[in-house]
Amino acid sequence: MALTAAEYFAVEKNEKVLVLLTDMTNYADALAIVSNRMDQIPSKDSMPGSLYSDLAKIYEKAVQFPSGGSITIIAVTTLSGGDITHAVPDNTGYITEGQLYLRRDSDVGKVIVDPFRSLSRLKQLVTGRKTREDHPQAMNAAVRLYADAADAKTKLENGFDLTDYDNRTLAFAKDYSKKLLAIDVNLDTTEMLDVAWNLFALHFTPEEVNIKQELVDKYWKK
């Protein structure tokens, strides 16, 4: 019903329509119940073999019309036991443009966007082109430093001594989660980039951040 209404406004009224679908896991569970009652042979995780097609019929309604109208779909998928390999998120990941993976960060006590499991197949068409020039390098540097913090946390949990760099990556990870990754952060892209540069300067040297010198000269917070 929501998608039919969206099609009307996008096609007939040339409107830009955002459709929120929640929860796709419940929808897939309902499909599984119906298919089992019809004695169809189940596939992965007791889901119907047609699950990919069933989800694609919904997700692939996303469209940009030459006349100006468009349909953008944001679908919420609750993970069963946090299992991202479950049939519903697994199929969704194949069909959709990308995904935002949300989890609770125990270090800051907030729900954050996990940069390791979130993805976008088309971000290279936007970052640094429709956003500020430093976006791709700043994004890559932040995720790399966040990964170093994850390694440092593993060392800490296993009883190994931490270096000064390890301690600084852990401090950076907490600030990064709280000020940029948390879902209650409401900043535009330029503001987020400025925050990232502030965090780089607070915790690291330009050499450790490993960003092009011309960008460092322009954006590094003295």
C-alpha atoms as a PDB file:
ATOM      1  CA  MET A   1       0.000   0.000   0.000  1.00  0.00           C
ATOM      2  CA  ALA A   2       2.822   2.367   0.916  1.00  0.00           C
ATOM      3  CA  LEU A   3       4.620   1.701  -2.366  1.00  0.00           C
ATOM      4  CA  THR A   4       1.421   2.126  -4.403  1.00  0.00           C
ATOM      5  CA  ALA A   5       0.883   5.526  -2.790  1.00  0.00           C
ATOM      6  CA  ALA A   6       4.539   6.371  -3.439  1.00  0.00           C
ATOM      7  CA  GLU A   7       4.187   5.464  -7.114  1.00  0.00           C
ATOM      8  CA  TYR A   8       1.158   7.734  -7.441  1.00  0.00           C
ATOM      9  CA  PHE A   9       2.942  10.768  -5.992  1.00  0.00           C
ATOM     10  CA  ALA A  10       6.196  10.069  -7.873  1.00  0.00           C
ATOM     11  CA  VAL A  11       4.603   9.351 -11.285  1.00  0.00           C
ATOM     12  CA  GLU A  12       1.493  11.541 -11.297  1.00  0.00           C
ATOM     13  CA  LYS A  13       2.697  14.431  -9.122  1.00  0.00           C
ATOM     14  CA  ASN A  14       6.455  14.322  -9.875  1.00  0.00           C
ATOM     15  CA  GLU A  15       7.164  14.333  -6.135  1.00  0.00           C
ATOM     16  CA  LYS A  16      10.298  13.031  -4.416  1.00  0.00           C
ATOM     17  CA  VAL A  17       8.930  10.332  -2.111  1.00  0.00           C
ATOM     18  CA  LEU A  18      10.679   8.667   0.835  1.00  0.00           C
ATOM     19  CA  VAL A  19       9.216   5.305   1.873  1.00  0.00           C
ATOM     20  CA  LEU A  20      10.056   3.809   5.277  1.00  0.00           C
ATOM     21  CA  LEU A  21       9.466   0.066   5.561  1.00  0.00           C
ATOM     22  CA  THR A  22       9.659  -1.565   8.987  1.00  0.00           C
ATOM     23  CA  ASP A  23      10.165  -4.345   9.849  1.00  0.00           C
ATOM     24  CA  MET A  24      11.202  -6.458   6.845  1.00  0.00           C
ATOM     25  CA  THR A  25      12.108  -9.369   9.123  1.00  0.00           C
ATOM     26  CA  ASN A  26       8.469  -9.608  10.219  1.00  0.00           C
ATOM     27  CA  TYR A  27       7.383  -9.451   6.575  1.00  0.00           C
ATOM     28  CA  ALA A  28       9.748 -12.305   5.680  1.00  0.00           C
ATOM     29  CA  ASP A  29       8.574 -14.345   8.670  1.00  0.00           C
ATOM     30  CA  ALA A  30       5.002 -13.956   7.419  1.00  0.00           C
ATOM     31  CA  LEU A  31       6.080 -15.149   3.974  1.00  0.00           C
ATOM     32  CA  ALA A  32       7.704 -18.181   5.605  1.00  0.00           C
ATOM     33  CA  ILE A  33       4.506 -19.063   7.484  1.00  0.00           C
ATOM     34  CA  VAL A  34       2.415 -18.840   4.307  1.00  0.00           C
ATOM     35  CA  SER A  35       4.861 -20.889   2.228  1.00  0.00           C
ATOM     36  CA  ASN A  36       5.076 -23.575   4.936  1.00  0.00           C
ATOM     37  CA  ARG A  37       1.268 -23.794   5.073  1.00  0.00           C
ATOM     38  CA  MET A  38       1.355 -24.284   1.294  1.00  0.00           C
ATOM     39  CA  ASP A  39       3.831 -27.164   1.811  1.00  0.00           C
ATOM     40  CA  GLN A  40       6.534 -25.408  -0.165  1.00  0.00           C
ATOM     41  CA  ILE A  41      10.064 -26.643   0.437  1.00  0.00           C
ATOM     42  CA  PRO A  42      11.846 -24.128   2.691  1.00  0.00           C
ATOM     43  CA  SER A  43      15.257 -22.711   1.902  1.00  0.00           C
ATOM     44  CA  LYS A  44      17.864 -21.130   4.212  1.00  0.00           C
ATOM     45  CA  ASP A  45      16.646 -20.342   7.771  1.00  0.00           C
ATOM     46  CA  SER A  46      13.216 -21.847   6.969  1.00  0.00           C
ATOM     47  CA  MET A  47      12.546 -19.027   4.520  1.00  0.00           C
ATOM     48  CA  PRO A  48      10.751 -19.642   1.199  1.00  0.00           C
ATOM     49  CA  GLY A  49      12.928 -20.268  -1.836  1.00  0.00           C
ATOM     50  CA  SER A  50      11.326 -17.231  -3.469  1.00  0.00           C
ATOM     51  CA  LEU A  51      12.541 -14.855  -0.708  1.00  0.00           C
ATOM     52  CA  TYR A  52      15.038 -13.049  -2.946  1.00  0.00           C
ATOM     53  CA  SER A  53      12.366 -12.371  -5.572  1.00  0.00           C
ATOM     54  CA  ASP A  54       9.806 -11.417  -2.921  1.00  0.00           C
ATOM     55  CA  LEU A  55      12.148  -8.824  -1.415  1.00  0.00           C
ATOM     56  CA  ALA A  56      13.377  -7.607  -4.811  1.00  0.00           C
ATOM     57  CA  LYS A  57       9.812  -6.806  -5.900  1.00  0.00           C
ATOM     58  CA  ILE A  58       9.710  -4.334  -3.005  1.00  0.00           C
ATOM     59  CA  TYR A  59      13.240  -2.928  -2.893  1.00  0.00           C
ATOM     60  CA  GLU A  60      13.517  -2.469  -6.651  1.00  0.00           C
ATOM     61  CA  LYS A  61      10.595  -0.042  -6.634  1.00  0.00           C
ATOM     62  CA  ALA A  62      13.253   2.569  -5.831  1.00  0.00           C
ATOM     63  CA  VAL A  63      13.540   4.773  -8.929  1.00  0.00           C
ATOM     64  CA  GLN A  64      14.443   8.177 -10.326  1.00  0.00           C
ATOM     65  CA  PHE A  65      12.105   9.360 -13.085  1.00  0.00           C
ATOM     66  CA  PRO A  66      13.296  11.753 -15.845  1.00  0.00           C
ATOM     67  CA  SER A  67      10.329  13.983 -15.042  1.00  0.00           C
ATOM     68  CA  GLY A  68      11.754  14.683 -11.595  1.00  0.00           C
ATOM     69  CA  GLY A  69       9.767  12.326  -9.399  1.00  0.00           C
ATOM     70  CA  SER A  70      11.565   9.655  -7.404  1.00  0.00           C
ATOM     71  CA  ILE A  71      11.045   6.884  -4.872  1.00  0.00           C
ATOM     72  CA  THR A  72      13.654   6.307  -2.188  1.00  0.00           C
ATOM     73  CA  ILE A  73      13.223   3.309   0.111  1.00  0.00           C
ATOM     74  CA  ILE A  74      14.672   2.865   3.586  1.00  0.00           C
ATOM     75  CA  ALA A  75      13.884  -0.615   4.869  1.00  0.00           C
ATOM     76  CA  VAL A  76      14.555  -1.695   8.457  1.00  0.00           C
ATOM     77  CA  THR A  77      15.656  -5.282   9.032  1.00  0.00           C
ATOM     78  CA  THR A  78      15.958  -6.563  12.593  1.00  0.00           C
ATOM     79  CA  LEU A  79      18.712  -9.152  12.858  1.00  0.00           C
ATOM     80  CA  SER A  80      17.738 -12.413  14.502  1.00  0.00           C
ATOM     81  CA  GLY A  81      20.220 -12.742  17.359  1.00  0.00           C
ATOM     82  CA  GLY A  82      22.456 -10.193  15.651  1.00  0.00           C
ATOM     83  CA  ASP A  83      23.097 -12.639  12.799  1.00  0.00           C
ATOM     84  CA  ILE A  84      23.921 -10.648   9.659  1.00  0.00           C
ATOM     85  CA  THR A  85      24.224 -13.903   7.655  1.00  0.00           C
ATOM     86  CA  HIS A  86      20.527 -14.712   8.244  1.00  0.00           C
ATOM     87  CA  ALA A  87      18.559 -15.059   4.987  1.00  0.00           C
ATOM     88  CA  VAL A  88      16.657 -11.765   5.334  1.00  0.00           C
ATOM     89  CA  PRO A  89      19.624  -9.347   5.813  1.00  0.00           C
ATOM     90  CA  ASP A  90      21.769 -11.502   3.538  1.00  0.00           C
ATOM     91  CA  ASN A  91      19.329 -11.218   0.620  1.00  0.00           C
ATOM     92  CA  THR A  92      18.642  -7.570   1.411  1.00  0.00           C
ATOM     93  CA  GLY A  93      22.369  -6.817   1.195  1.00  0.00           C
ATOM     94  CA  TYR A  94      22.496  -8.287  -2.308  1.00  0.00           C
ATOM     95  CA  ILE A  95      19.502  -6.316  -3.587  1.00  0.00           C
ATOM     96  CA  THR A  96      19.795  -2.861  -2.025  1.00  0.00           C
ATOM     97  CA  GLU A  97      22.289  -0.107  -2.812  1.00  0.00           C
ATOM     98  CA  GLY A  98      23.810  -0.303   0.639  1.00  0.00           C
ATOM     99  CA  GLN A  99      23.185  -0.768   4.310  1.00  0.00           C
ATOM    100  CA  LEU A 100      23.607   0.993   7.629  1.00  0.00           C
ATOM    101  CA  TYR A 101      24.433  -1.531  10.340  1.00  0.00           C
ATOM    102  CA  LEU A 102      23.379  -0.300  13.793  1.00  0.00           C
ATOM    103  CA  ARG A 103      24.709  -1.720  17.057  1.00  0.00           C
ATOM    104  CA  ARG A 104      25.081  -0.626  20.674  1.00  0.00           C
ATOM    105  CA  ASP A 105      28.598   0.523  21.537  1.00  0.00           C
ATOM    106  CA  SER A 106      29.200  -0.483  25.156  1.00  0.00           C
ATOM    107  CA  ASP A 107      32.156   1.923  25.452  1.00  0.00           C
ATOM    108  CA  VAL A 108      29.995   5.014  24.940  1.00  0.00           C
ATOM    109  CA  GLY A 109      26.576   3.568  25.811  1.00  0.00           C
ATOM    110  CA  LYS A 110      24.992   4.638  22.523  1.00  0.00           C
ATOM    111  CA  VAL A 111      23.670   3.021  19.355  1.00  0.00           C
ATOM    112  CA  ILE A 112      26.126   3.735  16.549  1.00  0.00           C
ATOM    113  CA  VAL A 113      26.508   3.136  12.824  1.00  0.00           C
ATOM    114  CA  ASP A 114      29.114   0.369  12.578  1.00  0.00           C
ATOM    115  CA  PRO A 115      31.612   1.484   9.890  1.00  0.00           C
ATOM    116  CA  PHE A 116      32.903  -2.053   9.328  1.00  0.00           C
ATOM    117  CA  ARG A 117      29.562  -3.612   8.374  1.00  0.00           C
ATOM    118  CA  SER A 118      27.906  -0.612   6.768  1.00  0.00           C
ATOM    119  CA  LEU A 119      28.414  -0.237   3.027  1.00  0.00           C
ATOM    120  CA  SER A 120      27.473   1.759  -0.036  1.00  0.00           C
ATOM    121  CA  ARG A 121      28.168   0.640  -3.581  1.00  0.00           C
ATOM    122  CA  LEU A 122      27.699   4.120  -5.043  1.00  0.00           C
ATOM    123  CA  LYS A 123      29.449   6.345  -2.506  1.00  0.00           C
ATOM    124  CA  GLN A 124      32.370   6.962  -4.879  1.00  0.00           C
ATOM    125  CA  LEU A 125      29.942   8.820  -7.150  1.00  0.00           C
ATOM    126  CA  VAL A 126      29.212  11.293  -4.355  1.00  0.00           C
ATOM    127  CA  THR A 127      32.116  11.553  -1.913  1.00  0.00           C
ATOM    128  CA  GLY A 128      34.543  14.261  -2.971  1.00  0.00           C
ATOM    129  CA  ARG A 129      32.347  15.185  -5.937  1.00  0.00           C
ATOM    130  CA  LYS A 130      29.112  16.403  -4.424  1.00  0.00           C
ATOM    131  CA  THR A 131      30.729  16.702  -1.004  1.00  0.00           C
ATOM    132  CA  ARG A 132      33.907  18.470   0.091  1.00  0.00           C
ATOM    133  CA  GLU A 133      37.170  17.405  -1.545  1.00  0.00           C
ATOM    134  CA  ASP A 134      38.613  15.935   1.669  1.00  0.00           C
ATOM    135  CA  HIS A 135      35.648  13.599   2.244  1.00  0.00           C
ATOM    136  CA  PRO A 136      37.107  10.368   0.760  1.00  0.00           C
ATOM    137  CA  GLN A 137      40.492  10.703   2.474  1.00  0.00           C
ATOM    138  CA  ALA A 138      39.063  11.803   5.820  1.00  0.00           C
ATOM    139  CA  MET A 139      36.528   8.954   5.753  1.00  0.00           C
ATOM    140  CA  ASN A 140      39.162   6.336   4.942  1.00  0.00           C
ATOM    141  CA  ALA A 141      41.554   7.671   7.582  1.00  0.00           C
ATOM    142  CA  ALA A 142      38.859   7.675  10.275  1.00  0.00           C
ATOM    143  CA  VAL A 143      37.832   4.081   9.548  1.00  0.00           C
ATOM    144  CA  ARG A 144      41.478   2.930   9.449  1.00  0.00           C
ATOM    145  CA  LEU A 145      42.205   4.547  12.830  1.00  0.00           C
ATOM    146  CA  TYR A 146      38.994   3.042  14.197  1.00  0.00           C
ATOM    147  CA  ALA A 147      40.224  -0.368  13.016  1.00  0.00           C
ATOM    148  CA  ASP A 148      43.545   0.241  14.809  1.00  0.00           C
ATOM    149  CA  ALA A 149      41.517   0.943  17.957  1.00  0.00           C
ATOM    150  CA  ALA A 150      39.701  -2.388  17.535  1.00  0.00           C
ATOM    151  CA  ASP A 151      43.098  -4.121  17.341  1.00  0.00           C
ATOM    152  CA  ALA A 152      44.237  -2.260  20.475  1.00  0.00           C
ATOM    153  CA  LYS A 153      41.077  -3.315  22.297  1.00  0.00           C
ATOM    154  CA  THR A 154      41.763  -6.948  21.406  1.00  0.00           C
ATOM    155  CA  LYS A 155      45.313  -6.603  22.770  1.00  0.00           C
ATOM    156  CA  LEU A 156      43.939  -5.092  25.976  1.00  0.00           C
ATOM    157  CA  GLU A 157      41.379  -7.867  26.429  1.00  0.00           C
ATOM    158  CA  ASN A 158      44.121 -10.483  25.942  1.00  0.00           C
ATOM    159  CA  GLY A 159      46.386  -8.891  28.558  1.00  0.00           C
ATOM    160  CA  PHE A 160      49.040  -7.416  26.273  1.00  0.00           C
ATOM    161  CA  ASP A 161      50.752  -4.106  27.003  1.00  0.00           C
ATOM    162  CA  LEU A 162      49.499  -1.142  24.987  1.00  0.00           C
ATOM    163  CA  THR A 163      51.691   1.398  23.253  1.00  0.00           C
ATOM    164  CA  ASP A 164      51.106   5.134  23.408  1.00  0.00           C
ATOM    165  CA  TYR A 165      49.639   4.921  19.905  1.00  0.00           C
ATOM    166  CA  ASP A 166      47.265   2.146  21.039  1.00  0.00           C
ATOM    167  CA  ASN A 167      45.979   4.291  23.906  1.00  0.00           C
ATOM    168  CA  ARG A 168      45.449   7.236  21.591  1.00  0.00           C
ATOM    169  CA  THR A 169      43.496   5.115  19.097  1.00  0.00           C
ATOM    170  CA  LEU A 170      41.227   3.922  21.916  1.00  0.00           C
ATOM    171  CA  ALA A 171      40.590   7.513  22.996  1.00  0.00           C
ATOM    172  CA  PHE A 172      39.933   8.459  19.368  1.00  0.00           C
ATOM    173  CA  ALA A 173      37.486   5.562  18.941  1.00  0.00           C
ATOM    174  CA  LYS A 174      35.397   6.744  21.908  1.00  0.00           C
ATOM    175  CA  ASP A 175      35.255  10.312  20.584  1.00  0.00           C
ATOM    176  CA  TYR A 176      34.591   9.087  17.039  1.00  0.00           C
ATOM    177  CA  SER A 177      31.695   6.905  18.216  1.00  0.00           C
ATOM    178  CA  LYS A 178      30.199   9.625  20.411  1.00  0.00           C
ATOM    179  CA  LYS A 179      30.586  12.600  18.080  1.00  0.00           C
ATOM    180  CA  LEU A 180      30.180  11.067  14.612  1.00  0.00           C
ATOM    181  CA  LEU A 181      28.909   7.464  14.597  1.00  0.00           C
ATOM    182  CA  ALA A 182      26.155   7.763  17.224  1.00  0.00           C
ATOM    183  CA  ILE A 183      22.691   7.876  15.665  1.00  0.00           C
ATOM    184  CA  ASP A 184      21.711  10.895  17.766  1.00  0.00           C
ATOM    185  CA  VAL A 185      24.349  13.021  15.993  1.00  0.00           C
ATOM    186  CA  ASN A 186      22.640  15.479  13.653  1.00  0.00           C
ATOM    187  CA  LEU A 187      25.291  17.222  11.532  1.00  0.00           C
ATOM    188  CA  ASP A 188      25.599  17.874   7.823  1.00  0.00           C
ATOM    189  CA  THR A 189      28.535  16.407   5.879  1.00  0.00           C
ATOM    190  CA  THR A 190      30.719  19.506   6.090  1.00  0.00           C
ATOM    191  CA  GLU A 191      30.226  19.768   9.852  1.00  0.00           C
ATOM    192  CA  MET A 192      31.072  16.081  10.267  1.00  0.00           C
ATOM    193  CA  LEU A 193      34.265  16.505   8.280  1.00  0.00           C
ATOM    194  CA  ASP A 194      35.264  19.427  10.490  1.00  0.00           C
ATOM    195  CA  VAL A 195      34.657  17.289  13.585  1.00  0.00           C
ATOM    196  CA  ALA A 196      36.774  14.497  12.080  1.00  0.00           C
ATOM    197  CA  TRP A 197      39.695  16.867  11.476  1.00  0.00           C
ATOM    198  CA  ASN A 198      39.391  18.116  15.054  1.00  0.00           C
ATOM    199  CA  LEU A 199      39.600  14.535  16.328  1.00  0.00           C
ATOM    200  CA  PHE A 200      42.599  13.797  14.105  1.00  0.00           C
ATOM    201  CA  ALA A 201      44.476  16.805  15.486  1.00  0.00           C
ATOM    202  CA  LEU A 202      43.472  15.998  19.067  1.00  0.00           C
ATOM    203  CA  HIS A 203      44.773  12.420  19.060  1.00  0.00           C
ATOM    204  CA  PHE A 204      47.355  12.054  16.286  1.00  0.00           C
ATOM    205  CA  THR A 205      50.086  13.650  14.224  1.00  0.00           C
ATOM    206  CA  PRO A 206      49.531  14.354  10.510  1.00  0.00           C
ATOM    207  CA  GLU A 207      51.942  11.522   9.658  1.00  0.00           C
ATOM    208  CA  GLU A 208      49.883   9.008  11.636  1.00  0.00           C
ATOM    209  CA  VAL A 209      46.658  10.061   9.961  1.00  0.00           C
ATOM    210  CA  ASN A 210      48.280   9.542   6.529  1.00  0.00           C
ATOM    211  CA  ILE A 211      46.240  11.995   4.446  1.00  0.00           C
ATOM    212  CA  LYS A 212      47.539  13.876   1.412  1.00  0.00           C
ATOM    213  CA  GLN A 213      49.724  16.798   2.464  1.00  0.00           C
ATOM    214  CA  GLU A 214      47.738  19.324   0.436  1.00  0.00           C
ATOM    215  CA  LEU A 215      44.596  18.390   2.377  1.00  0.00           C
ATOM    216  CA  VAL A 216      46.460  18.448   5.682  1.00  0.00           C
ATOM    217  CA  ASP A 217      47.764  21.953   4.893  1.00  0.00           C
ATOM    218  CA  LYS A 218      44.234  23.111   4.143  1.00  0.00           C
ATOM    219  CA  TYR A 219      42.116  21.403   6.808  1.00  0.00           C
ATOM    220  CA  TRP A 220      44.350  20.312   9.709  1.00  0.00           C
ATOM    221  CA  LYS A 221      43.240  22.083  12.878  1.00  0.00           C
ATOM    222  CA  LYS A 222      46.249  23.965  14.268  1.00  0.00           C
END
